[in-house]
């Protein structure tokens, strides 16, 4: 942190172990270049770094009046009536009828369509693998088949 003026300071922050960010804090104007102080009304971490370097700072000078006890008590000062049931809600004419959202597509029955079609250069269908008989070693049948010469039960 570098102080130029008693009410102004520059705070250096290392973000995610690599990026160096610098923010300028103006204490009297309640402004920081990160803009968090202006949006929330509470001092940001950069402003707190400057405020905590002061001896016995009065924090109520740097926090917005919105967060005071007086404003909190004023919020709940009046009587809030209880509404126990939805029937007691007042009817409001909106001027239009609100319908439920439409579904994008109706789900069809049956098997879904293939996601893509094969090009003519790609193989079509399943690959055909020749079966081999373990007994005689020929292709086109298995061991227990009537086509096998070793089985002996050839049909004629």
N, C-alpha and C. Protein backbone atom coordinates (compact mmCIF):
# COMPACT_ATOMS: atom_id res chain seq x y z
N UNK A 1 0.85 -1.17 0.00
CA UNK A 1 0.00 0.00 0.00
C UNK A 1 0.91 1.24 0.00
N UNK A 2 0.55 2.20 -0.84
CA UNK A 2 1.29 3.46 -0.91
C UNK A 2 0.33 4.60 -0.68
N UNK A 3 0.71 5.49 0.23
CA UNK A 3 -0.14 6.64 0.52
C UNK A 3 0.47 7.87 -0.13
N UNK A 4 -0.36 8.61 -0.86
CA UNK A 4 0.10 9.85 -1.45
C UNK A 4 -0.43 11.02 -0.65
N UNK A 5 -1.67 10.94 -0.32
CA UNK A 5 -2.40 11.97 0.41
C UNK A 5 -2.99 11.26 1.62
N UNK A 6 -3.26 11.96 2.74
CA UNK A 6 -3.82 11.27 3.92
C UNK A 6 -5.16 10.58 3.65
N UNK A 7 -5.91 11.04 2.67
CA UNK A 7 -7.22 10.47 2.38
C UNK A 7 -7.23 9.60 1.12
N UNK A 8 -6.08 9.43 0.48
CA UNK A 8 -5.97 8.63 -0.74
C UNK A 8 -4.84 7.62 -0.59
N UNK A 9 -5.02 6.44 -1.20
CA UNK A 9 -3.96 5.43 -1.15
C UNK A 9 -4.11 4.50 -2.34
N UNK A 10 -2.99 3.88 -2.70
CA UNK A 10 -2.98 2.87 -3.75
C UNK A 10 -2.68 1.52 -3.12
N UNK A 11 -3.57 0.53 -3.37
CA UNK A 11 -3.42 -0.80 -2.78
C UNK A 11 -3.09 -1.78 -3.89
N UNK A 12 -2.02 -2.56 -3.70
CA UNK A 12 -1.59 -3.56 -4.68
C UNK A 12 -2.07 -4.92 -4.20
N UNK A 13 -2.66 -5.67 -5.13
CA UNK A 13 -3.22 -6.98 -4.80
C UNK A 13 -2.66 -8.00 -5.79
N UNK A 14 -2.24 -9.17 -5.30
CA UNK A 14 -1.78 -10.25 -6.17
C UNK A 14 -2.95 -11.21 -6.33
N UNK A 15 -3.41 -11.36 -7.57
CA UNK A 15 -4.61 -12.16 -7.86
C UNK A 15 -4.20 -13.49 -8.47
N UNK A 16 -4.61 -14.58 -7.85
CA UNK A 16 -4.35 -15.95 -8.31
C UNK A 16 -2.86 -16.22 -8.53
N UNK A 17 -2.04 -15.75 -7.62
CA UNK A 17 -0.59 -15.99 -7.58
C UNK A 17 0.17 -15.52 -8.82
N UNK A 18 -0.44 -14.75 -9.71
CA UNK A 18 0.30 -14.32 -10.89
C UNK A 18 -0.02 -12.90 -11.34
N UNK A 19 -1.27 -12.50 -11.26
CA UNK A 19 -1.68 -11.20 -11.79
C UNK A 19 -1.63 -10.15 -10.69
N UNK A 20 -1.00 -9.02 -10.97
CA UNK A 20 -0.90 -7.91 -10.01
C UNK A 20 -1.95 -6.87 -10.38
N UNK A 21 -2.82 -6.56 -9.43
CA UNK A 21 -3.87 -5.55 -9.65
C UNK A 21 -3.65 -4.40 -8.68
N UNK A 22 -3.87 -3.19 -9.16
CA UNK A 22 -3.73 -2.00 -8.33
C UNK A 22 -5.06 -1.27 -8.27
N UNK A 23 -5.43 -0.86 -7.05
CA UNK A 23 -6.68 -0.13 -6.84
C UNK A 23 -6.38 1.14 -6.06
N UNK A 24 -7.04 2.22 -6.46
CA UNK A 24 -6.88 3.50 -5.78
C UNK A 24 -8.10 3.71 -4.88
N UNK A 25 -7.87 4.06 -3.62
CA UNK A 25 -8.94 4.24 -2.63
C UNK A 25 -8.99 5.71 -2.23
N UNK A 26 -10.19 6.31 -2.31
CA UNK A 26 -10.43 7.69 -1.86
C UNK A 26 -11.36 7.60 -0.64
N UNK A 27 -10.80 7.82 0.56
CA UNK A 27 -11.58 7.61 1.79
C UNK A 27 -12.69 8.63 1.97
N UNK A 28 -12.46 9.90 1.71
CA UNK A 28 -13.49 10.92 1.95
C UNK A 28 -14.64 10.81 0.97
N UNK A 29 -14.37 10.34 -0.24
CA UNK A 29 -15.42 10.22 -1.26
C UNK A 29 -16.09 8.84 -1.25
N UNK A 30 -15.55 7.90 -0.46
CA UNK A 30 -16.07 6.53 -0.38
C UNK A 30 -16.00 5.86 -1.75
N UNK A 31 -14.85 5.96 -2.39
CA UNK A 31 -14.67 5.41 -3.74
C UNK A 31 -13.44 4.52 -3.76
N UNK A 32 -13.58 3.38 -4.44
CA UNK A 32 -12.45 2.50 -4.74
C UNK A 32 -12.58 2.13 -6.22
N UNK A 33 -11.47 1.93 -6.90
CA UNK A 33 -11.53 1.63 -8.33
C UNK A 33 -12.07 0.23 -8.62
N UNK A 34 -12.18 -0.62 -7.62
CA UNK A 34 -12.82 -1.93 -7.83
C UNK A 34 -14.34 -1.81 -7.86
N UNK A 35 -14.87 -0.66 -7.42
CA UNK A 35 -16.29 -0.28 -7.44
C UNK A 35 -17.17 -1.05 -6.45
N UNK A 36 -16.60 -1.90 -5.63
CA UNK A 36 -17.38 -2.65 -4.65
C UNK A 36 -17.93 -1.73 -3.56
N UNK A 37 -17.15 -0.76 -3.14
CA UNK A 37 -17.57 0.17 -2.09
C UNK A 37 -18.74 1.01 -2.55
N UNK A 38 -18.73 1.47 -3.80
CA UNK A 38 -19.82 2.29 -4.32
C UNK A 38 -21.10 1.48 -4.47
N UNK A 39 -21.00 0.21 -4.84
CA UNK A 39 -22.18 -0.61 -5.08
C UNK A 39 -22.83 -1.06 -3.78
N UNK A 40 -22.04 -1.57 -2.84
CA UNK A 40 -22.62 -2.14 -1.61
C UNK A 40 -22.80 -1.13 -0.49
N UNK A 41 -21.98 -0.09 -0.45
CA UNK A 41 -22.04 0.86 0.64
C UNK A 41 -21.16 0.47 1.80
N UNK A 42 -20.56 -0.72 1.73
CA UNK A 42 -19.62 -1.19 2.76
C UNK A 42 -18.21 -1.11 2.18
N UNK A 43 -17.21 -0.79 3.00
CA UNK A 43 -15.84 -0.70 2.49
C UNK A 43 -15.35 -2.05 1.95
N UNK A 44 -14.71 -2.01 0.78
CA UNK A 44 -14.16 -3.22 0.16
C UNK A 44 -12.86 -3.60 0.88
N UNK A 45 -12.29 -4.76 0.59
CA UNK A 45 -11.03 -5.15 1.25
C UNK A 45 -9.89 -4.16 1.02
N UNK A 46 -9.88 -3.48 -0.11
CA UNK A 46 -8.83 -2.50 -0.38
C UNK A 46 -8.99 -1.29 0.54
N UNK A 47 -10.24 -0.85 0.70
CA UNK A 47 -10.51 0.28 1.59
C UNK A 47 -10.24 -0.10 3.04
N UNK A 48 -10.57 -1.32 3.42
CA UNK A 48 -10.30 -1.77 4.79
C UNK A 48 -8.81 -1.81 5.07
N UNK A 49 -8.01 -2.16 4.04
CA UNK A 49 -6.56 -2.17 4.23
C UNK A 49 -6.04 -0.77 4.55
N UNK A 50 -6.65 0.24 3.95
CA UNK A 50 -6.24 1.62 4.22
C UNK A 50 -6.78 2.09 5.57
N UNK A 51 -8.04 1.77 5.86
CA UNK A 51 -8.68 2.23 7.11
C UNK A 51 -7.99 1.63 8.33
N UNK A 52 -7.58 0.36 8.25
CA UNK A 52 -6.98 -0.29 9.41
C UNK A 52 -5.57 0.20 9.71
N UNK A 53 -4.97 0.95 8.78
CA UNK A 53 -3.65 1.53 9.08
C UNK A 53 -3.77 2.78 9.95
N UNK A 54 -4.98 3.34 10.05
CA UNK A 54 -5.21 4.53 10.85
C UNK A 54 -5.35 4.14 12.32
N UNK A 55 -5.07 5.09 13.22
CA UNK A 55 -5.24 4.82 14.65
C UNK A 55 -6.67 5.13 15.05
N UNK A 56 -7.33 4.16 15.67
CA UNK A 56 -8.71 4.25 16.16
C UNK A 56 -9.64 4.88 15.12
N UNK A 57 -9.86 4.19 14.00
CA UNK A 57 -10.75 4.75 12.97
C UNK A 57 -12.21 4.67 13.40
N UNK A 58 -13.01 5.65 13.02
CA UNK A 58 -14.45 5.62 13.27
C UNK A 58 -15.11 4.96 12.07
N UNK A 59 -15.49 3.71 12.23
CA UNK A 59 -16.02 2.93 11.10
C UNK A 59 -17.36 3.46 10.60
N UNK A 60 -18.14 4.13 11.47
CA UNK A 60 -19.43 4.65 11.02
C UNK A 60 -19.26 5.75 9.96
N UNK A 61 -18.07 6.34 9.85
CA UNK A 61 -17.82 7.34 8.81
C UNK A 61 -17.65 6.70 7.43
N UNK A 62 -17.26 5.43 7.41
CA UNK A 62 -16.96 4.76 6.14
C UNK A 62 -18.04 3.79 5.68
N UNK A 63 -18.99 3.49 6.55
CA UNK A 63 -20.10 2.60 6.19
C UNK A 63 -21.32 3.45 5.89
N UNK A 64 -22.09 3.06 4.89
CA UNK A 64 -23.28 3.81 4.48
C UNK A 64 -24.31 3.83 5.61
N UNK A 65 -25.10 4.91 5.69
CA UNK A 65 -26.12 5.06 6.73
C UNK A 65 -27.22 3.99 6.62
N UNK A 66 -27.30 3.36 5.46
CA UNK A 66 -28.28 2.29 5.23
C UNK A 66 -28.10 1.15 6.23
N UNK A 67 -26.88 0.91 6.68
CA UNK A 67 -26.58 -0.19 7.59
C UNK A 67 -26.67 0.20 9.05
N UNK A 68 -27.18 1.38 9.37
CA UNK A 68 -27.25 1.83 10.76
C UNK A 68 -28.41 1.15 11.49
N UNK A 69 -28.34 1.16 12.81
CA UNK A 69 -29.38 0.57 13.65
C UNK A 69 -30.67 1.36 13.51
N UNK A 70 -30.57 2.66 13.35
CA UNK A 70 -31.75 3.53 13.22
C UNK A 70 -32.55 3.15 11.96
N UNK A 71 -31.85 2.90 10.85
CA UNK A 71 -32.54 2.51 9.61
C UNK A 71 -33.17 1.12 9.75
N UNK A 72 -32.49 0.23 10.45
CA UNK A 72 -33.03 -1.12 10.67
C UNK A 72 -34.32 -1.06 11.49
N UNK A 73 -34.33 -0.23 12.54
CA UNK A 73 -35.53 -0.09 13.37
C UNK A 73 -36.65 0.58 12.59
N UNK A 74 -36.32 1.52 11.71
CA UNK A 74 -37.34 2.20 10.90
C UNK A 74 -37.98 1.24 9.90
N UNK A 75 -37.24 0.24 9.46
CA UNK A 75 -37.77 -0.74 8.51
C UNK A 75 -38.91 -1.54 9.13
N UNK A 76 -38.75 -1.97 10.37
CA UNK A 76 -39.73 -2.82 11.03
C UNK A 76 -40.59 -2.05 12.04
N UNK A 77 -40.66 -0.73 11.89
CA UNK A 77 -41.43 0.10 12.81
C UNK A 77 -42.94 -0.13 12.63
N UNK A 78 -43.40 -0.18 11.41
CA UNK A 78 -44.83 -0.33 11.16
C UNK A 78 -45.31 -1.76 11.41
N UNK A 79 -46.63 -1.92 11.38
CA UNK A 79 -47.23 -3.23 11.59
C UNK A 79 -47.42 -3.90 10.23
N UNK A 80 -46.94 -5.12 10.12
CA UNK A 80 -47.10 -5.89 8.89
C UNK A 80 -48.26 -6.86 9.12
N UNK A 81 -49.35 -6.74 8.34
CA UNK A 81 -50.50 -7.62 8.57
C UNK A 81 -50.21 -9.06 8.14
N UNK A 82 -50.80 -10.00 8.85
CA UNK A 82 -50.64 -11.42 8.53
C UNK A 82 -51.63 -11.83 7.45
N UNK A 83 -51.18 -12.56 6.50
CA UNK A 83 -52.05 -13.17 5.48
C UNK A 83 -51.87 -14.67 5.63
N UNK A 84 -52.94 -15.32 6.07
CA UNK A 84 -52.82 -16.73 6.40
C UNK A 84 -53.10 -17.65 5.23
N UNK A 85 -53.93 -17.22 4.29
CA UNK A 85 -54.35 -18.12 3.22
C UNK A 85 -54.26 -17.43 1.87
N UNK A 86 -54.13 -18.20 0.82
CA UNK A 86 -54.06 -17.66 -0.53
C UNK A 86 -55.40 -17.04 -0.95
N UNK A 87 -56.48 -17.45 -0.34
CA UNK A 87 -57.80 -16.89 -0.67
C UNK A 87 -57.91 -15.42 -0.27
N UNK A 88 -57.07 -14.97 0.66
CA UNK A 88 -57.12 -13.59 1.12
C UNK A 88 -56.30 -12.65 0.23
N UNK A 89 -55.59 -13.19 -0.75
CA UNK A 89 -54.81 -12.35 -1.65
C UNK A 89 -55.74 -11.53 -2.53
N UNK A 90 -55.42 -10.29 -2.80
CA UNK A 90 -56.31 -9.49 -3.66
C UNK A 90 -56.22 -9.94 -5.12
N UNK A 91 -57.36 -9.91 -5.81
CA UNK A 91 -57.41 -10.28 -7.22
C UNK A 91 -56.96 -9.10 -8.06
N UNK A 92 -56.07 -9.34 -9.01
CA UNK A 92 -55.54 -8.28 -9.86
C UNK A 92 -55.82 -8.65 -11.31
N UNK A 93 -56.38 -7.70 -12.07
CA UNK A 93 -56.63 -7.92 -13.49
C UNK A 93 -55.36 -7.56 -14.26
N UNK A 94 -54.72 -8.58 -14.86
CA UNK A 94 -53.47 -8.36 -15.57
C UNK A 94 -53.69 -7.85 -16.99
N UNK A 95 -54.88 -8.04 -17.53
CA UNK A 95 -55.16 -7.59 -18.89
C UNK A 95 -54.81 -8.64 -19.94
N UNK A 96 -54.25 -9.78 -19.51
CA UNK A 96 -53.93 -10.86 -20.43
C UNK A 96 -53.99 -12.17 -19.66
N UNK A 97 -54.05 -13.28 -20.39
CA UNK A 97 -54.10 -14.59 -19.76
C UNK A 97 -52.73 -15.24 -19.88
N UNK A 98 -52.20 -15.68 -18.79
CA UNK A 98 -50.88 -16.28 -18.76
C UNK A 98 -51.02 -17.78 -18.91
N UNK A 99 -50.49 -18.33 -20.00
CA UNK A 99 -50.57 -19.76 -20.27
C UNK A 99 -49.25 -20.43 -19.91
N UNK A 100 -49.28 -21.75 -19.64
CA UNK A 100 -48.02 -22.45 -19.36
C UNK A 100 -47.15 -22.49 -20.62
N UNK A 101 -45.85 -22.65 -20.46
CA UNK A 101 -44.97 -22.67 -21.64
C UNK A 101 -45.22 -23.89 -22.50
N UNK A 102 -45.07 -23.70 -23.81
CA UNK A 102 -45.25 -24.80 -24.75
C UNK A 102 -44.01 -25.68 -24.77
N UNK A 103 -44.25 -26.98 -24.89
CA UNK A 103 -43.10 -27.87 -24.99
C UNK A 103 -42.50 -27.75 -26.39
N UNK A 104 -41.20 -27.96 -26.50
CA UNK A 104 -40.52 -27.77 -27.77
C UNK A 104 -40.95 -28.81 -28.80
N UNK A 105 -40.93 -30.06 -28.42
CA UNK A 105 -41.23 -31.12 -29.35
C UNK A 105 -41.98 -32.23 -28.62
N UNK A 106 -42.94 -32.81 -29.29
CA UNK A 106 -43.64 -33.92 -28.69
C UNK A 106 -42.78 -35.16 -28.85
N UNK A 107 -42.63 -35.92 -27.78
CA UNK A 107 -41.80 -37.10 -27.82
C UNK A 107 -42.50 -38.19 -28.63
N UNK A 108 -41.78 -38.71 -29.59
CA UNK A 108 -42.35 -39.73 -30.46
C UNK A 108 -42.13 -41.11 -29.86
N UNK A 109 -43.03 -42.02 -30.23
CA UNK A 109 -42.91 -43.39 -29.77
C UNK A 109 -41.95 -44.15 -30.66
N UNK A 110 -41.43 -45.25 -30.15
CA UNK A 110 -40.59 -46.12 -30.96
C UNK A 110 -39.12 -45.79 -30.83
N UNK A 111 -38.36 -46.46 -31.67
CA UNK A 111 -36.91 -46.32 -31.64
C UNK A 111 -36.51 -44.97 -32.24
N UNK A 112 -35.49 -44.35 -31.64
CA UNK A 112 -35.01 -43.07 -32.13
C UNK A 112 -34.25 -43.24 -33.43
N UNK A 113 -34.24 -42.17 -34.23
CA UNK A 113 -33.52 -42.18 -35.50
C UNK A 113 -32.02 -42.17 -35.25
N UNK A 114 -31.25 -42.70 -36.19
CA UNK A 114 -29.80 -42.68 -36.07
C UNK A 114 -29.31 -41.24 -36.06
N UNK A 115 -28.26 -40.99 -35.33
CA UNK A 115 -27.77 -39.62 -35.21
C UNK A 115 -27.09 -39.16 -36.50
N UNK A 116 -26.49 -40.07 -37.26
CA UNK A 116 -25.88 -39.67 -38.53
C UNK A 116 -25.99 -40.82 -39.52
N UNK A 117 -25.95 -40.46 -40.78
CA UNK A 117 -25.99 -41.45 -41.84
C UNK A 117 -24.57 -41.71 -42.33
N UNK A 118 -24.28 -42.96 -42.65
CA UNK A 118 -22.95 -43.31 -43.13
C UNK A 118 -22.78 -42.88 -44.58
N UNK A 119 -21.57 -42.46 -44.91
CA UNK A 119 -21.29 -42.10 -46.30
C UNK A 119 -21.08 -43.38 -47.11
N UNK A 120 -21.19 -43.31 -48.43
CA UNK A 120 -21.03 -44.52 -49.26
C UNK A 120 -19.65 -45.14 -49.15
N UNK A 121 -18.65 -44.36 -48.78
CA UNK A 121 -17.30 -44.93 -48.68
C UNK A 121 -17.10 -45.72 -47.39
N UNK A 122 -17.95 -45.49 -46.40
CA UNK A 122 -17.83 -46.23 -45.14
C UNK A 122 -18.45 -47.60 -45.29
N UNK A 123 -18.01 -48.54 -44.43
CA UNK A 123 -18.55 -49.90 -44.51
C UNK A 123 -20.01 -49.88 -44.13
N UNK A 124 -20.78 -50.66 -44.80
CA UNK A 124 -22.21 -50.71 -44.58
C UNK A 124 -22.55 -51.99 -43.84
N UNK A 125 -23.27 -51.87 -42.76
CA UNK A 125 -23.73 -53.05 -42.02
C UNK A 125 -22.64 -53.65 -41.16
N UNK A 126 -22.90 -54.88 -40.71
CA UNK A 126 -21.95 -55.56 -39.84
C UNK A 126 -20.88 -56.24 -40.69
N UNK A 127 -19.72 -56.43 -40.11
CA UNK A 127 -18.66 -57.17 -40.79
C UNK A 127 -18.98 -58.65 -40.69
N UNK A 128 -18.75 -59.34 -41.77
CA UNK A 128 -19.03 -60.77 -41.79
C UNK A 128 -17.73 -61.50 -41.46
N UNK A 129 -17.79 -62.31 -40.41
CA UNK A 129 -16.62 -63.08 -40.01
C UNK A 129 -16.89 -64.55 -40.26
N UNK A 130 -15.99 -65.20 -40.91
CA UNK A 130 -16.14 -66.62 -41.18
C UNK A 130 -15.87 -67.42 -39.91
N UNK A 131 -16.76 -68.37 -39.63
CA UNK A 131 -16.54 -69.25 -38.48
C UNK A 131 -15.67 -70.42 -38.93
N UNK A 132 -14.85 -70.92 -38.01
CA UNK A 132 -13.93 -72.01 -38.33
C UNK A 132 -14.23 -73.21 -37.44
N UNK A 133 -14.30 -74.35 -38.03
CA UNK A 133 -14.55 -75.59 -37.30
C UNK A 133 -13.27 -75.98 -36.57
N UNK A 134 -13.35 -76.29 -35.27
CA UNK A 134 -12.18 -76.67 -34.50
C UNK A 134 -11.77 -78.11 -34.76
N UNK A 135 -12.71 -78.92 -35.27
CA UNK A 135 -12.41 -80.34 -35.56
C UNK A 135 -11.62 -80.51 -36.85
N UNK A 136 -12.23 -80.10 -37.97
CA UNK A 136 -11.59 -80.33 -39.27
C UNK A 136 -10.78 -79.14 -39.76
N UNK A 137 -10.99 -77.92 -39.21
CA UNK A 137 -10.24 -76.73 -39.59
C UNK A 137 -10.78 -76.01 -40.80
N UNK A 138 -11.93 -76.43 -41.33
CA UNK A 138 -12.52 -75.76 -42.49
C UNK A 138 -13.38 -74.58 -42.05
N UNK A 139 -13.56 -73.61 -42.96
CA UNK A 139 -14.39 -72.45 -42.68
C UNK A 139 -15.83 -72.71 -43.14
N UNK A 140 -16.79 -72.05 -42.51
CA UNK A 140 -18.19 -72.12 -42.93
C UNK A 140 -19.07 -72.92 -42.01
N UNK A 141 -18.52 -73.64 -41.06
CA UNK A 141 -19.34 -74.39 -40.11
C UNK A 141 -18.59 -74.57 -38.79
N UNK A 142 -19.31 -75.07 -37.79
CA UNK A 142 -18.72 -75.32 -36.48
C UNK A 142 -18.61 -76.83 -36.26
N UNK A 143 -18.08 -77.19 -35.08
CA UNK A 143 -17.76 -78.59 -34.81
C UNK A 143 -18.98 -79.50 -34.84
N UNK A 144 -20.07 -79.11 -34.24
CA UNK A 144 -21.23 -79.99 -34.13
C UNK A 144 -22.14 -79.97 -35.35
N UNK A 145 -21.76 -79.29 -36.41
CA UNK A 145 -22.63 -79.12 -37.57
C UNK A 145 -22.66 -80.39 -38.43
N UNK A 146 -23.71 -80.58 -39.23
CA UNK A 146 -23.83 -81.73 -40.13
C UNK A 146 -22.89 -81.60 -41.32
N UNK A 147 -22.35 -80.36 -41.54
CA UNK A 147 -21.43 -80.16 -42.65
C UNK A 147 -20.01 -80.67 -42.34
N UNK A 148 -19.70 -80.85 -41.06
CA UNK A 148 -18.37 -81.29 -40.67
C UNK A 148 -18.16 -82.75 -41.08
N UNK A 149 -17.03 -83.05 -41.70
CA UNK A 149 -16.73 -84.42 -42.18
C UNK A 149 -16.43 -85.35 -41.01
N UNK A 150 -15.96 -84.85 -39.91
CA UNK A 150 -15.60 -85.67 -38.77
C UNK A 150 -16.79 -86.08 -37.90
N UNK A 151 -17.90 -85.40 -38.05
CA UNK A 151 -19.07 -85.70 -37.23
C UNK A 151 -19.64 -87.05 -37.62
N UNK A 152 -19.70 -87.35 -38.90
CA UNK A 152 -20.18 -88.66 -39.35
C UNK A 152 -21.67 -88.74 -39.59
N UNK A 153 -22.42 -87.74 -39.30
CA UNK A 153 -23.87 -87.78 -39.51
C UNK A 153 -24.22 -86.85 -40.66
N UNK A 154 -23.60 -87.07 -41.81
CA UNK A 154 -23.83 -86.23 -42.96
C UNK A 154 -25.16 -86.54 -43.58
N UNK A 155 -25.92 -85.54 -43.88
CA UNK A 155 -27.18 -85.75 -44.55
C UNK A 155 -26.92 -85.83 -46.03
N UNK A 156 -27.67 -86.72 -46.72
CA UNK A 156 -27.45 -86.87 -48.15
C UNK A 156 -28.65 -86.51 -48.93
